[in-house]
Protein backbone atom coordinates (compact mmCIF):
# COMPACT_ATOMS: atom_id res chain seq x y z
CA MET A 1 126.49 98.56 52.87
CA ASN A 2 127.79 95.04 52.20
CA LYS A 3 124.82 93.41 53.98
CA ILE A 4 122.42 95.40 51.84
CA LEU A 5 124.35 94.56 48.68
CA MET A 6 124.34 90.82 49.27
CA ALA A 7 120.61 90.83 49.99
CA GLY A 8 119.97 92.84 46.82
CA CYS A 9 122.26 90.75 44.65
CA ALA A 10 120.51 87.55 45.70
CA GLY A 11 117.44 88.74 43.78
CA LEU A 12 119.24 90.03 40.70
CA ILE A 13 118.42 87.02 38.54
CA VAL A 14 114.70 87.48 39.35
CA THR A 15 115.12 91.17 38.63
CA ALA A 16 116.59 90.40 35.21
CA PHE A 17 113.58 88.18 34.48
CA LEU A 18 111.18 90.94 35.47
CA ILE A 19 112.88 93.49 33.24
CA ALA A 20 112.73 91.13 30.28
CA THR A 21 109.13 90.19 30.97
CA LEU A 22 107.60 93.50 31.93
CA GLY A 23 109.67 95.79 29.74
CA GLY A 24 107.67 95.04 26.62
CA CYS A 25 104.53 93.59 28.15
CA THR A 26 101.50 94.56 26.10
CA ALA A 27 99.32 91.48 26.61
CA THR A 28 97.08 90.98 29.64
CA PRO A 29 98.38 88.94 32.61
CA ASP A 30 95.89 86.18 31.74
CA SER A 31 97.34 85.67 28.28
CA TYR A 32 101.02 86.56 28.63
CA PRO A 33 103.04 83.32 28.83
CA VAL A 34 106.23 83.22 30.89
CA ALA A 35 106.93 79.48 30.70
CA ARG A 36 105.62 76.22 29.26
CA VAL A 37 105.67 73.01 31.31
CA ASN A 38 104.95 69.77 29.44
CA GLY A 39 102.69 71.73 27.13
CA GLU A 40 100.96 73.68 29.92
CA VAL A 41 101.47 77.46 29.96
CA VAL A 42 102.45 79.41 33.06
CA THR A 43 100.98 82.89 32.68
CA LEU A 44 102.04 86.24 34.05
CA LYS A 45 98.90 86.26 36.19
CA GLU A 46 100.18 83.20 38.05
CA VAL A 47 103.54 84.90 38.57
CA GLU A 48 101.77 88.05 39.76
CA SER A 49 99.90 86.08 42.42
CA PHE A 50 103.13 84.57 43.74
CA PRO A 51 103.99 85.94 47.24
CA GLY A 52 106.49 88.77 47.07
CA PHE A 53 106.14 89.43 43.34
CA LYS A 54 105.00 93.04 43.71
CA ASN A 55 107.75 93.65 46.28
CA LEU A 56 110.30 92.65 43.65
CA VAL A 57 108.70 94.98 41.12
CA ASP A 58 108.74 97.81 43.67
CA GLU A 59 112.41 97.12 44.34
CA LEU A 60 113.10 97.52 40.62
CA ILE A 61 111.13 100.75 40.64
CA ARG A 62 113.08 102.10 43.60
CA ARG A 63 116.39 101.34 41.90
CA ARG A 64 115.22 103.05 38.73
CA LEU A 65 114.04 106.11 40.67
CA ILE A 66 117.38 106.37 42.48
CA ALA A 67 119.26 106.20 39.18
CA GLN A 68 116.95 108.84 37.65
CA GLN A 69 117.35 111.15 40.64
CA ALA A 70 121.12 110.72 40.58
CA ALA A 71 121.18 111.65 36.89
CA LYS A 72 118.97 114.67 37.55
CA LEU A 73 121.29 115.92 40.30
CA HIS A 74 124.45 115.04 38.34
CA VAL A 75 125.58 112.48 40.91
CA GLU A 76 128.26 110.34 39.34
CA VAL A 77 129.68 107.12 40.71
CA ASP A 78 133.44 106.78 40.78
CA PRO A 79 134.37 103.33 39.36
CA ALA A 80 137.20 103.20 41.90
CA ARG A 81 134.63 103.44 44.71
CA VAL A 82 132.65 100.58 43.20
CA THR A 83 135.79 98.46 43.00
CA GLN A 84 136.64 99.33 46.61
CA GLU A 85 133.20 98.25 47.84
CA LEU A 86 133.41 95.07 45.75
CA GLU A 87 136.72 94.17 47.37
CA LYS A 88 135.20 94.72 50.82
CA MET A 89 132.36 92.42 49.86
CA LYS A 90 134.78 89.72 48.68
CA LYS A 91 136.64 89.89 52.00
CA GLN A 92 133.38 89.56 53.90
CA ILE A 93 132.32 86.51 51.90
CA GLY A 94 135.71 84.87 52.32
CA PRO A 95 139.07 84.23 50.63
CA GLY A 96 139.92 81.98 47.72
CA PRO A 97 137.08 80.60 45.59
CA SER A 98 134.38 81.65 48.07
CA PHE A 99 133.26 84.72 46.09
CA GLN A 100 133.07 82.82 42.82
CA GLN A 101 131.12 80.09 44.57
CA TRP A 102 128.77 82.74 46.00
CA LEU A 103 128.17 84.11 42.48
CA VAL A 104 127.31 80.64 41.20
CA GLU A 105 125.03 79.87 44.14
CA ASN A 106 123.14 83.14 43.64
CA ASN A 107 123.14 82.85 39.84
CA VAL A 108 124.60 86.33 39.30
CA THR A 109 127.67 87.70 37.57
CA GLU A 110 130.30 90.00 39.00
CA GLU A 111 129.13 92.71 36.61
CA GLN A 112 125.61 92.49 38.04
CA VAL A 113 127.06 92.83 41.53
CA ARG A 114 128.99 95.92 40.42
CA GLU A 115 125.76 97.43 39.05
CA GLN A 116 124.03 96.86 42.40
CA ILE A 117 126.96 98.44 44.23
CA ALA A 118 126.77 101.47 41.92
CA ILE A 119 123.07 101.95 42.76
CA SER A 120 123.85 101.69 46.48
CA VAL A 121 126.61 104.28 46.16
CA MET A 122 124.29 106.60 44.21
CA PHE A 123 121.71 106.31 46.97
CA GLU A 124 124.31 107.02 49.65
CA GLU A 125 125.48 110.15 47.84
CA LEU A 126 121.89 111.37 47.44
CA LEU A 127 121.30 110.85 51.17
CA LYS A 128 124.46 112.73 52.12
CA ARG A 129 123.22 115.73 50.14
CA GLU A 130 120.30 115.93 52.56
CA VAL A 131 122.59 116.36 55.57
CA THR A 132 124.05 119.55 56.98
CA ILE A 133 126.61 119.07 59.74
CA THR A 134 129.30 121.38 61.10
CA GLU A 135 132.88 120.62 61.96
CA ASP A 136 132.17 121.62 65.57
CA GLU A 137 129.38 119.02 65.82
CA VAL A 138 131.63 116.32 64.43
CA LYS A 139 134.50 117.29 66.75
CA ALA A 140 132.18 117.22 69.77
CA ASN A 141 131.07 113.69 68.87
CA PHE A 142 134.67 112.62 68.35
CA GLU A 143 135.77 113.99 71.71
CA GLN A 144 133.10 111.98 73.53
CA ASN A 145 135.00 108.81 72.75
CA PRO A 146 138.13 109.39 70.63
CA LYS A 147 139.41 105.85 71.19
CA PHE A 148 136.31 104.38 69.59
CA PHE A 149 136.63 106.48 66.44
CA ARG A 150 140.39 105.94 66.20
CA GLN A 151 139.89 102.19 66.31
CA LEU A 152 137.04 102.34 63.80
CA TYR A 153 139.10 104.48 61.43
CA GLY A 154 142.12 102.25 61.92
CA ARG A 155 140.19 99.10 61.14
CA GLU A 156 138.71 100.61 57.96
CA ASN A 157 142.14 101.78 56.83
CA GLU A 158 144.03 98.68 57.99
CA LEU A 159 146.21 100.50 60.51
CA THR A 160 147.94 98.94 63.49
CA THR A 161 146.69 99.70 67.00
CA GLU A 162 149.79 101.81 67.60
CA GLU A 163 149.16 103.84 64.43
CA SER A 164 145.48 104.31 65.30
CA ASP A 165 146.25 105.53 68.82
CA LYS A 166 148.36 108.38 67.42
CA LEU A 167 145.59 109.79 65.20
CA SER A 168 144.35 113.31 65.93
CA PHE A 169 140.99 114.83 65.01
CA GLU A 170 142.66 116.69 62.13
CA ASP A 171 144.05 113.41 60.77
CA MET A 172 140.54 111.95 60.68
CA LYS A 173 138.44 115.06 60.04
CA ASP A 174 137.41 114.32 56.44
CA TRP A 175 136.61 110.71 57.29
CA LEU A 176 134.60 111.74 60.36
CA MET A 177 132.62 114.34 58.40
CA ASP A 178 131.72 111.69 55.84
CA TYR A 179 130.95 109.13 58.55
CA PHE A 180 128.40 111.35 60.28
CA LYS A 181 126.86 112.49 57.01
CA ARG A 182 126.27 108.86 56.10
CA SER A 183 124.90 108.06 59.56
CA ARG A 184 122.41 110.91 59.48
CA GLY A 185 121.65 110.36 55.81
CA TYR A 186 120.63 106.75 56.32
CA SER A 187 118.18 107.84 59.01
CA GLN A 188 116.34 109.71 56.22
CA ALA A 189 116.53 106.91 53.68
CA GLN A 190 112.93 105.75 53.92
CA ASP A 191 111.64 109.32 53.69
CA MET A 192 113.61 109.89 50.49
CA VAL A 193 112.36 106.67 48.92
CA ASP A 194 108.77 107.52 49.89
CA ASP A 195 109.16 111.01 48.36
CA LEU A 196 110.50 109.61 45.10
CA MET A 197 107.70 107.05 44.90
CA LYS A 198 105.07 109.74 45.53
CA GLN A 199 106.49 112.04 42.86
CA ALA A 200 106.82 109.33 40.22
CA HIS A 201 104.18 108.34 37.69
CA ILE A 202 104.22 104.55 38.01
CA ASP A 203 102.17 102.23 35.83
CA TYR A 204 102.23 98.56 36.86
CA LEU A 205 102.02 96.94 33.45
CA PHE A 206 101.73 93.42 34.82
CA MET A 207 98.34 94.24 36.36
CA SER A 208 95.03 93.85 34.60
CA PRO A 209 93.57 97.03 33.05
CA ASP A 210 90.98 97.22 35.83
CA LYS A 211 93.57 96.99 38.58
CA ARG A 212 95.80 99.54 36.85
CA ALA A 213 92.91 101.98 36.52
CA ALA A 214 91.91 101.49 40.17
CA LEU A 215 95.49 102.04 41.36
CA LYS A 216 95.87 105.20 39.27
CA LYS A 217 92.63 106.52 40.72
CA GLN A 218 93.85 105.74 44.24
CA GLN A 219 97.17 107.52 43.59
CA ALA A 220 95.35 110.57 42.22
CA GLU A 221 93.08 110.65 45.28
CA GLU A 222 96.06 110.43 47.64
CA ARG A 223 97.79 113.33 45.88
CA LYS A 224 94.57 115.34 46.00
CA GLN A 225 94.24 114.70 49.74
CA GLU A 226 97.83 115.81 50.33
CA VAL A 227 97.21 119.06 48.48
CA SER A 228 93.94 119.61 50.37
CA ALA A 229 95.75 119.04 53.67
CA GLY A 230 98.39 121.58 52.67
CA GLN A 231 101.06 118.93 52.17
CA SER A 232 102.46 119.91 48.82
CA PRO A 233 104.55 117.21 47.13
CA VAL A 234 108.19 117.35 48.14
CA THR A 235 110.60 118.10 45.32
CA ILE A 236 114.31 117.45 45.69
CA GLU A 237 116.23 120.21 43.96
CA GLU A 238 119.60 120.02 42.22
CA ASP A 239 121.38 121.53 45.20
CA GLY A 240 120.07 118.70 47.36
CA SER A 241 117.50 120.87 49.14
CA LYS A 242 113.80 120.09 49.34
CA GLU A 243 110.83 122.19 48.39
CA GLY A 244 107.78 121.47 50.48
CA PRO A 245 106.93 121.11 54.15
CA SER A 246 110.00 121.13 56.37
CA GLU A 247 110.54 119.18 59.52
CA THR A 248 113.14 119.46 62.21
CA ALA A 249 114.52 116.10 63.16
CA GLY A 250 116.79 115.29 66.03
CA GLU A 251 120.13 113.58 65.58
CA PRO A 252 119.58 109.87 64.95
CA GLU A 253 121.03 107.21 67.17
CA THR A 254 123.95 105.47 65.50
CA PRO A 255 126.16 102.62 66.72
CA ALA A 256 128.97 105.15 67.08
CA ASN A 257 126.87 107.51 69.18
CA GLU A 258 125.60 104.71 71.41
CA ALA A 259 129.06 103.29 71.94
CA ALA A 260 130.52 106.74 72.49
CA ALA A 261 127.93 107.49 75.14
CA SER A 262 128.50 104.20 76.93
CA GLY A 263 132.27 104.21 76.57
CA GLU A 264 132.27 100.90 74.71
CA GLU A 265 134.88 100.02 72.15
CA PRO A 266 134.12 98.57 68.73
CA SER A 267 134.52 94.81 68.68
CA ALA A 268 136.54 93.09 66.01
CA SER A 269 133.65 90.75 65.27
CA GLU A 270 131.03 93.46 64.71
CA GLU A 271 131.96 96.26 62.37
CA GLN A 272 129.80 99.26 63.16
CA THR A 273 129.36 101.48 60.19
CA PRO A 274 126.58 103.80 59.08
CA GLU A 275 125.75 101.32 56.33
CA ASP A 276 124.68 98.91 59.08
CA THR A 277 122.42 101.51 60.70
CA GLY A 278 119.84 101.67 57.93
CA ASP A 279 119.03 100.66 54.39
CA GLY A 280 115.77 102.44 53.96
CA GLY A 281 114.29 99.25 52.53
CA ALA A 282 115.72 100.67 49.31
CA VAL A 283 118.51 98.96 47.64
């Protein structure tokens, strides 16, 4: 998760600009000024044509959709969890003034970082709701390579090697259940984001009226084609289930599964967590 967070936080200052600019945009891109340089105006149209601009807007949209879906399903973020993830991030960046220096270099505040963490946690919880896994499945995975999981658990919980070696499945059961839910959930991340984008009514206000109309027409045609093909829009219900076409997917490959199958042990230099297995291009 920390890798995703740092990548997302690096663009937060641009995100803040976009919210301020687009939130109340009523003028056309040709006439809406975003800056003035020695008397010359930089318009929104010039910003729009800048490489990656729409990707940033789509990232904002994805974050908003995740927050809306979390509210709909009554998914709440525990502030203690946010603080815990923030502390992990600080350790990854480095001790002393390194984190503060990172904030300055990326032109973001700690509060903005916390907000990004909260969105990431919301997304993780939504993904975990999509996963059904039994205790027997988790135990079978654990028994393939118990040393691997003991060391992984021990490193996350700052245990000594001796303490980790004494752990039983029962000691780690809750952690293992959560671990595999996250691993499987992240394999479905892109599908969830795509579903949310398809369901949403999105109007790109920075575009010209002609482009907006053309895009709306395209979206309507795509929805019509899906219905004609018998692919009814997927709706995520409050219990976490989906209404719509169902698919049966096999168990995704995760670092833990690969290492367990090969008998490898987790290295101290490469922490293998489900957060590292997928970000869904989302957050």
